[in-house]
Amino acid sequence: MKSKSLRSLLFVGAGVLVHWLAIMVLVFVIQGQWTKLKYKRDNIRDLALELRDRARQIEKLTRRTQDYPKLKYLQGVFEAYDGLVYQVALAAHAKGEKYKIDPFLILAVIERESYFNPRATSYKFKRNFDGTIVFDENDQSIKLPLAMGLMQVNYGVWKDELKIDLERIYEVDYNLDLGCRILHHYIQRNPGDLSKALYEYCSGFMTDGNFAYPARVMSSNYFLSVDWGS
């Protein structure tokens, strides 16, 4: 009797064990399928994001293609009307990207510094050690170049630090590169205070410099086009 009960118990236990193993196998299969589905879902999501980005790129390229004839026409008008300003504008855009300065701010500075004259030069009188002005044999006061080019780079102040090539200082691209390096320097020195940065660009660290200069730059139509959100 006991033997029969024991066999019955073992039979039931074996059945339970078989069912338990079957359930575990089923759980493992479900987990494996779930992992595969999750992997596929992630792949589908990544693919959807990639397709969305490509669609945006295609849209941009399509827009550019549609705008190209108009932009080419405007380029031709601009070059014919004032080729120099067009060249300066291109250089300002390139230097703006290089030194992280809005190109319209660069153009505003150029407008106030030289009115887009690449040969613009400001002078100072040559003086003796006692401060008196030096005159030549014709009794004419002798003037020395002070600031030069589109951005009126002060050669005497920056010649060593920027290793300025005086023979190239009137070149559009070279002068803008020098001027933007200087402007970038003062902007970095005065974070969040563009007015002070512009003052120092014009007057350095003089306490009696040109205080009207920042306002003059900021009143330029170019300055009004600066994108402050970038």
C-alpha atoms as a PDB file:
ATOM      1  CA  MET A   1       0.000   0.000   0.000  1.00  0.00           C
ATOM      2  CA  LYS A   2       2.774   2.325   0.986  1.00  0.00           C
ATOM      3  CA  SER A   3       4.694   1.357  -2.121  1.00  0.00           C
ATOM      4  CA  LYS A   4       1.718   2.217  -4.308  1.00  0.00           C
ATOM      5  CA  SER A   5       1.253   5.594  -2.561  1.00  0.00           C
ATOM      6  CA  LEU A   6       4.945   6.382  -2.999  1.00  0.00           C
ATOM      7  CA  ARG A   7       4.761   5.553  -6.725  1.00  0.00           C
ATOM      8  CA  SER A   8       1.736   7.761  -7.080  1.00  0.00           C
ATOM      9  CA  LEU A   9       3.517  10.576  -5.274  1.00  0.00           C
ATOM     10  CA  LEU A  10       6.596  10.205  -7.450  1.00  0.00           C
ATOM     11  CA  PHE A  11       4.409  10.168 -10.523  1.00  0.00           C
ATOM     12  CA  VAL A  12       2.697  13.390  -9.469  1.00  0.00           C
ATOM     13  CA  GLY A  13       6.066  14.993  -8.591  1.00  0.00           C
ATOM     14  CA  ALA A  14       7.488  14.028 -11.949  1.00  0.00           C
ATOM     15  CA  GLY A  15       4.473  15.532 -13.646  1.00  0.00           C
ATOM     16  CA  VAL A  16       4.868  18.759 -11.703  1.00  0.00           C
ATOM     17  CA  LEU A  17       8.571  18.866 -12.554  1.00  0.00           C
ATOM     18  CA  VAL A  18       7.839  18.327 -16.242  1.00  0.00           C
ATOM     19  CA  HIS A  19       5.270  21.119 -16.191  1.00  0.00           C
ATOM     20  CA  TRP A  20       7.689  23.403 -14.350  1.00  0.00           C
ATOM     21  CA  LEU A  21      10.436  22.710 -16.881  1.00  0.00           C
ATOM     22  CA  ALA A  22       7.980  23.315 -19.712  1.00  0.00           C
ATOM     23  CA  ILE A  23       6.983  26.643 -18.150  1.00  0.00           C
ATOM     24  CA  MET A  24      10.664  27.668 -17.731  1.00  0.00           C
ATOM     25  CA  VAL A  25      11.397  26.773 -21.353  1.00  0.00           C
ATOM     26  CA  LEU A  26       8.379  28.797 -22.417  1.00  0.00           C
ATOM     27  CA  VAL A  27       9.559  31.742 -20.289  1.00  0.00           C
ATOM     28  CA  PHE A  28      13.029  31.575 -21.881  1.00  0.00           C
ATOM     29  CA  VAL A  29      11.488  31.418 -25.353  1.00  0.00           C
ATOM     30  CA  ILE A  30       9.242  34.405 -24.596  1.00  0.00           C
ATOM     31  CA  GLN A  31      12.200  36.379 -23.193  1.00  0.00           C
ATOM     32  CA  GLY A  32      14.236  35.581 -26.289  1.00  0.00           C
ATOM     33  CA  GLN A  33      11.399  36.668 -28.572  1.00  0.00           C
ATOM     34  CA  TRP A  34      10.904  39.836 -26.499  1.00  0.00           C
ATOM     35  CA  THR A  35      14.607  40.689 -26.780  1.00  0.00           C
ATOM     36  CA  LYS A  36      14.444  40.197 -30.546  1.00  0.00           C
ATOM     37  CA  LEU A  37      11.317  42.343 -30.767  1.00  0.00           C
ATOM     38  CA  LYS A  38      12.946  45.072 -28.643  1.00  0.00           C
ATOM     39  CA  TYR A  39      16.048  44.958 -30.871  1.00  0.00           C
ATOM     40  CA  LYS A  40      13.875  45.199 -33.971  1.00  0.00           C
ATOM     41  CA  ARG A  41      11.871  48.041 -32.411  1.00  0.00           C
ATOM     42  CA  ASP A  42      15.073  49.973 -31.652  1.00  0.00           C
ATOM     43  CA  ASN A  43      16.307  49.360 -35.196  1.00  0.00           C
ATOM     44  CA  ILE A  44      13.004  50.570 -36.621  1.00  0.00           C
ATOM     45  CA  ARG A  45      13.146  53.693 -34.428  1.00  0.00           C
ATOM     46  CA  ASP A  46      16.742  54.442 -35.494  1.00  0.00           C
ATOM     47  CA  LEU A  47      15.783  53.863 -39.120  1.00  0.00           C
ATOM     48  CA  ALA A  48      12.794  56.198 -38.753  1.00  0.00           C
ATOM     49  CA  LEU A  49      15.040  58.917 -37.279  1.00  0.00           C
ATOM     50  CA  GLU A  50      17.567  58.459 -40.078  1.00  0.00           C
ATOM     51  CA  LEU A  51      14.827  58.641 -42.715  1.00  0.00           C
ATOM     52  CA  ARG A  52      13.460  61.794 -41.091  1.00  0.00           C
ATOM     53  CA  ASP A  53      16.917  63.434 -41.111  1.00  0.00           C
ATOM     54  CA  ARG A  54      17.460  62.437 -44.743  1.00  0.00           C
ATOM     55  CA  ALA A  55      14.043  63.812 -45.653  1.00  0.00           C
ATOM     56  CA  ARG A  56      14.984  67.134 -44.048  1.00  0.00           C
ATOM     57  CA  GLN A  57      18.301  67.183 -45.887  1.00  0.00           C
ATOM     58  CA  ILE A  58      16.523  66.473 -49.174  1.00  0.00           C
ATOM     59  CA  GLU A  59      14.054  69.268 -48.412  1.00  0.00           C
ATOM     60  CA  LYS A  60      16.910  71.706 -47.735  1.00  0.00           C
ATOM     61  CA  LEU A  61      18.730  70.671 -50.899  1.00  0.00           C
ATOM     62  CA  THR A  62      15.515  71.025 -52.890  1.00  0.00           C
ATOM     63  CA  ARG A  63      14.982  74.507 -51.474  1.00  0.00           C
ATOM     64  CA  ARG A  64      18.558  75.478 -52.262  1.00  0.00           C
ATOM     65  CA  THR A  65      18.197  74.141 -55.790  1.00  0.00           C
ATOM     66  CA  GLN A  66      15.015  76.165 -56.263  1.00  0.00           C
ATOM     67  CA  ASP A  67      16.630  79.303 -54.791  1.00  0.00           C
ATOM     68  CA  TYR A  68      19.892  78.946 -56.739  1.00  0.00           C
ATOM     69  CA  PRO A  69      18.837  80.908 -59.856  1.00  0.00           C
ATOM     70  CA  LYS A  70      17.554  83.786 -57.703  1.00  0.00           C
ATOM     71  CA  LEU A  71      20.684  83.798 -55.527  1.00  0.00           C
ATOM     72  CA  LYS A  72      22.904  83.670 -58.602  1.00  0.00           C
ATOM     73  CA  TYR A  73      21.009  86.638 -60.034  1.00  0.00           C
ATOM     74  CA  LEU A  74      21.371  88.617 -56.796  1.00  0.00           C
ATOM     75  CA  GLN A  75      25.069  87.763 -56.670  1.00  0.00           C
ATOM     76  CA  GLY A  76      25.500  89.156 -60.178  1.00  0.00           C
ATOM     77  CA  VAL A  77      23.635  92.355 -59.278  1.00  0.00           C
ATOM     78  CA  PHE A  78      25.663  92.796 -56.092  1.00  0.00           C
ATOM     79  CA  GLU A  79      28.985  92.224 -57.856  1.00  0.00           C
ATOM     80  CA  ALA A  80      28.078  94.600 -60.683  1.00  0.00           C
ATOM     81  CA  TYR A  81      26.842  97.293 -58.299  1.00  0.00           C
ATOM     82  CA  ASP A  82      29.793  97.144 -55.911  1.00  0.00           C
ATOM     83  CA  GLY A  83      32.296  94.341 -56.390  1.00  0.00           C
ATOM     84  CA  LEU A  84      34.460  95.526 -53.485  1.00  0.00           C
ATOM     85  CA  VAL A  85      31.617  95.432 -50.959  1.00  0.00           C
ATOM     86  CA  TYR A  86      30.712  91.971 -52.260  1.00  0.00           C
ATOM     87  CA  GLN A  87      34.296  90.814 -51.684  1.00  0.00           C
ATOM     88  CA  VAL A  88      34.313  92.335 -48.180  1.00  0.00           C
ATOM     89  CA  ALA A  89      30.961  90.708 -47.367  1.00  0.00           C
ATOM     90  CA  LEU A  90      32.283  87.268 -48.383  1.00  0.00           C
ATOM     91  CA  ALA A  91      35.435  87.772 -46.313  1.00  0.00           C
ATOM     92  CA  ALA A  92      33.361  88.935 -43.321  1.00  0.00           C
ATOM     93  CA  HIS A  93      31.249  85.785 -43.542  1.00  0.00           C
ATOM     94  CA  ALA A  94      34.349  83.552 -43.652  1.00  0.00           C
ATOM     95  CA  LYS A  95      36.078  85.350 -40.759  1.00  0.00           C
ATOM     96  CA  GLY A  96      32.833  85.392 -38.786  1.00  0.00           C
ATOM     97  CA  GLU A  97      32.689  81.602 -38.955  1.00  0.00           C
ATOM     98  CA  LYS A  98      36.377  81.328 -38.094  1.00  0.00           C
ATOM     99  CA  TYR A  99      36.275  83.634 -35.046  1.00  0.00           C
ATOM    100  CA  LYS A 100      32.638  83.055 -33.993  1.00  0.00           C
ATOM    101  CA  ILE A 101      31.593  86.670 -34.703  1.00  0.00           C
ATOM    102  CA  ASP A 102      28.371  87.586 -36.488  1.00  0.00           C
ATOM    103  CA  PRO A 103      29.418  88.835 -39.960  1.00  0.00           C
ATOM    104  CA  PHE A 104      26.955  91.738 -39.698  1.00  0.00           C
ATOM    105  CA  LEU A 105      28.834  92.943 -36.603  1.00  0.00           C
ATOM    106  CA  ILE A 106      32.079  92.786 -38.595  1.00  0.00           C
ATOM    107  CA  LEU A 107      30.480  94.823 -41.402  1.00  0.00           C
ATOM    108  CA  ALA A 108      29.170  97.357 -38.874  1.00  0.00           C
ATOM    109  CA  VAL A 109      32.707  97.837 -37.524  1.00  0.00           C
ATOM    110  CA  ILE A 110      34.109  98.153 -41.057  1.00  0.00           C
ATOM    111  CA  GLU A 111      31.480 100.748 -41.955  1.00  0.00           C
ATOM    112  CA  ARG A 112      32.420 102.923 -38.987  1.00  0.00           C
ATOM    113  CA  GLU A 113      36.170 102.350 -39.253  1.00  0.00           C
ATOM    114  CA  SER A 114      36.809 102.823 -42.963  1.00  0.00           C
ATOM    115  CA  TYR A 115      33.481 103.135 -44.813  1.00  0.00           C
ATOM    116  CA  PHE A 116      34.593 100.099 -46.872  1.00  0.00           C
ATOM    117  CA  ASN A 117      37.767 101.793 -48.113  1.00  0.00           C
ATOM    118  CA  PRO A 118      40.530  99.126 -48.037  1.00  0.00           C
ATOM    119  CA  ARG A 119      43.225 101.838 -48.336  1.00  0.00           C
ATOM    120  CA  ALA A 120      41.908 103.884 -45.419  1.00  0.00           C
ATOM    121  CA  THR A 121      44.707 105.120 -43.192  1.00  0.00           C
ATOM    122  CA  SER A 122      44.648 107.254 -40.075  1.00  0.00           C
ATOM    123  CA  TYR A 123      47.778 109.112 -39.032  1.00  0.00           C
ATOM    124  CA  LYS A 124      49.482 110.538 -35.991  1.00  0.00           C
ATOM    125  CA  PHE A 125      52.054 113.310 -35.834  1.00  0.00           C
ATOM    126  CA  LYS A 126      55.662 112.313 -35.373  1.00  0.00           C
ATOM    127  CA  ARG A 127      56.836 113.869 -32.131  1.00  0.00           C
ATOM    128  CA  ASN A 128      60.085 114.589 -30.350  1.00  0.00           C
ATOM    129  CA  PHE A 129      60.840 113.200 -26.898  1.00  0.00           C
ATOM    130  CA  ASP A 130      59.426 116.372 -25.354  1.00  0.00           C
ATOM    131  CA  GLY A 131      56.117 115.908 -27.190  1.00  0.00           C
ATOM    132  CA  THR A 132      56.623 118.610 -29.806  1.00  0.00           C
ATOM    133  CA  ILE A 133      55.718 117.843 -33.428  1.00  0.00           C
ATOM    134  CA  VAL A 134      58.535 117.045 -35.860  1.00  0.00           C
ATOM    135  CA  PHE A 135      58.664 119.053 -39.104  1.00  0.00           C
ATOM    136  CA  ASP A 136      60.464 118.282 -42.349  1.00  0.00           C
ATOM    137  CA  GLU A 137      62.741 120.594 -44.363  1.00  0.00           C
ATOM    138  CA  ASN A 138      59.657 122.154 -46.000  1.00  0.00           C
ATOM    139  CA  ASP A 139      58.258 123.012 -42.599  1.00  0.00           C
ATOM    140  CA  GLN A 140      55.527 120.390 -43.009  1.00  0.00           C
ATOM    141  CA  SER A 141      54.547 118.261 -40.033  1.00  0.00           C
ATOM    142  CA  ILE A 142      55.565 114.634 -40.412  1.00  0.00           C
ATOM    143  CA  LYS A 143      52.739 112.128 -40.100  1.00  0.00           C
ATOM    144  CA  LEU A 144      53.084 108.424 -39.344  1.00  0.00           C
ATOM    145  CA  PRO A 145      50.508 105.732 -40.143  1.00  0.00           C
ATOM    146  CA  LEU A 146      48.490 104.805 -37.067  1.00  0.00           C
ATOM    147  CA  ALA A 147      45.694 102.459 -38.175  1.00  0.00           C
ATOM    148  CA  MET A 148      45.285 100.872 -41.574  1.00  0.00           C
ATOM    149  CA  GLY A 149      42.853  99.066 -43.812  1.00  0.00           C
ATOM    150  CA  LEU A 150      39.190  98.151 -43.652  1.00  0.00           C
ATOM    151  CA  MET A 151      39.198  97.412 -39.912  1.00  0.00           C
ATOM    152  CA  GLN A 152      41.798 100.090 -39.114  1.00  0.00           C
ATOM    153  CA  VAL A 153      44.318  97.738 -37.551  1.00  0.00           C
ATOM    154  CA  ASN A 154      46.711  99.604 -35.250  1.00  0.00           C
ATOM    155  CA  TYR A 155      50.042  98.381 -36.552  1.00  0.00           C
ATOM    156  CA  GLY A 156      52.130  99.869 -33.745  1.00  0.00           C
ATOM    157  CA  VAL A 157      50.095  98.113 -31.047  1.00  0.00           C
ATOM    158  CA  TRP A 158      49.630  94.706 -32.666  1.00  0.00           C
ATOM    159  CA  LYS A 159      52.621  94.252 -34.995  1.00  0.00           C
ATOM    160  CA  ASP A 160      54.549  91.959 -32.646  1.00  0.00           C
ATOM    161  CA  GLU A 161      51.684  90.010 -31.060  1.00  0.00           C
ATOM    162  CA  LEU A 162      49.999  89.267 -34.408  1.00  0.00           C
ATOM    163  CA  LYS A 163      53.262  89.215 -36.393  1.00  0.00           C
ATOM    164  CA  ILE A 164      51.719  91.586 -38.925  1.00  0.00           C
ATOM    165  CA  ASP A 165      53.044  91.607 -42.477  1.00  0.00           C
ATOM    166  CA  LEU A 166      52.970  95.339 -43.235  1.00  0.00           C
ATOM    167  CA  GLU A 167      53.104  94.711 -47.000  1.00  0.00           C
ATOM    168  CA  ARG A 168      49.768  92.824 -46.829  1.00  0.00           C
ATOM    169  CA  ILE A 169      47.912  94.957 -44.322  1.00  0.00           C
ATOM    170  CA  TYR A 170      45.701  96.593 -46.977  1.00  0.00           C
ATOM    171  CA  GLU A 171      44.607  93.249 -48.470  1.00  0.00           C
ATOM    172  CA  VAL A 172      40.897  92.654 -47.806  1.00  0.00           C
ATOM    173  CA  ASP A 173      41.130  89.095 -46.493  1.00  0.00           C
ATOM    174  CA  TYR A 174      44.322  89.669 -44.494  1.00  0.00           C
ATOM    175  CA  ASN A 175      43.095  92.908 -42.909  1.00  0.00           C
ATOM    176  CA  LEU A 176      39.786  91.314 -41.893  1.00  0.00           C
ATOM    177  CA  ASP A 177      41.609  88.369 -40.374  1.00  0.00           C
ATOM    178  CA  LEU A 178      43.744  90.715 -38.266  1.00  0.00           C
ATOM    179  CA  GLY A 179      40.789  92.901 -37.285  1.00  0.00           C
ATOM    180  CA  CYS A 180      38.599  89.930 -36.346  1.00  0.00           C
ATOM    181  CA  ARG A 181      41.357  88.424 -34.215  1.00  0.00           C
ATOM    182  CA  ILE A 182      41.561  91.715 -32.339  1.00  0.00           C
ATOM    183  CA  LEU A 183      37.773  92.059 -32.036  1.00  0.00           C
ATOM    184  CA  HIS A 184      37.479  88.440 -30.870  1.00  0.00           C
ATOM    185  CA  HIS A 185      40.131  89.158 -28.228  1.00  0.00           C
ATOM    186  CA  TYR A 186      38.138  92.064 -26.775  1.00  0.00           C
ATOM    187  CA  ILE A 187      34.823  90.177 -26.940  1.00  0.00           C
ATOM    188  CA  GLN A 188      36.422  87.332 -24.978  1.00  0.00           C
ATOM    189  CA  ARG A 189      37.794  89.834 -22.461  1.00  0.00           C
ATOM    190  CA  ASN A 190      34.332  91.328 -21.922  1.00  0.00           C
ATOM    191  CA  PRO A 191      31.779  88.481 -21.984  1.00  0.00           C
ATOM    192  CA  GLY A 192      28.242  89.816 -22.252  1.00  0.00           C
ATOM    193  CA  ASP A 193      29.408  93.424 -22.636  1.00  0.00           C
ATOM    194  CA  LEU A 194      29.723  94.149 -26.352  1.00  0.00           C
ATOM    195  CA  SER A 195      29.713  97.900 -25.777  1.00  0.00           C
ATOM    196  CA  LYS A 196      32.892  97.666 -23.688  1.00  0.00           C
ATOM    197  CA  ALA A 197      34.447  95.264 -26.185  1.00  0.00           C
ATOM    198  CA  LEU A 198      33.815  97.762 -28.998  1.00  0.00           C
ATOM    199  CA  TYR A 199      35.175 100.629 -26.902  1.00  0.00           C
ATOM    200  CA  GLU A 200      38.396  98.705 -26.271  1.00  0.00           C
ATOM    201  CA  TYR A 201      38.625  97.747 -29.954  1.00  0.00           C
ATOM    202  CA  CYS A 202      38.656 101.447 -30.784  1.00  0.00           C
ATOM    203  CA  SER A 203      40.510 102.929 -27.815  1.00  0.00           C
ATOM    204  CA  GLY A 204      42.308 100.059 -26.097  1.00  0.00           C
ATOM    205  CA  PHE A 205      42.580 100.621 -22.369  1.00  0.00           C
ATOM    206  CA  MET A 206      42.557 104.434 -22.548  1.00  0.00           C
ATOM    207  CA  THR A 207      40.296 106.028 -19.946  1.00  0.00           C
ATOM    208  CA  ASP A 208      39.644 109.039 -22.181  1.00  0.00           C
ATOM    209  CA  GLY A 209      39.031 107.241 -25.475  1.00  0.00           C
ATOM    210  CA  ASN A 210      36.205 107.471 -27.983  1.00  0.00           C
ATOM    211  CA  PHE A 211      33.138 106.731 -25.845  1.00  0.00           C
ATOM    212  CA  ALA A 212      30.824 107.480 -28.791  1.00  0.00           C
ATOM    213  CA  TYR A 213      32.311 104.647 -30.860  1.00  0.00           C
ATOM    214  CA  PRO A 214      30.172 101.736 -29.549  1.00  0.00           C
ATOM    215  CA  ALA A 215      26.966 103.693 -30.144  1.00  0.00           C
ATOM    216  CA  ARG A 216      28.105 104.584 -33.660  1.00  0.00           C
ATOM    217  CA  VAL A 217      28.734 100.911 -34.481  1.00  0.00           C
ATOM    218  CA  MET A 218      25.440  99.856 -32.906  1.00  0.00           C
ATOM    219  CA  SER A 219      23.515 102.420 -34.941  1.00  0.00           C
ATOM    220  CA  SER A 220      24.704 100.867 -38.202  1.00  0.00           C
ATOM    221  CA  ASN A 221      22.092  99.130 -40.344  1.00  0.00           C
ATOM    222  CA  TYR A 222      24.465  96.172 -40.479  1.00  0.00           C
ATOM    223  CA  PHE A 223      24.466  95.911 -36.683  1.00  0.00           C
ATOM    224  CA  LEU A 224      20.667  95.904 -36.663  1.00  0.00           C
ATOM    225  CA  SER A 225      20.815  92.693 -38.740  1.00  0.00           C
ATOM    226  CA  VAL A 226      22.934  90.820 -36.159  1.00  0.00           C
ATOM    227  CA  ASP A 227      21.367  87.489 -35.178  1.00  0.00           C
ATOM    228  CA  TRP A 228      21.489  87.503 -31.396  1.00  0.00           C
ATOM    229  CA  GLY A 229      19.956  84.035 -31.259  1.00  0.00           C
ATOM    230  CA  SER A 230      23.013  82.354 -32.750  1.00  0.00           C
END
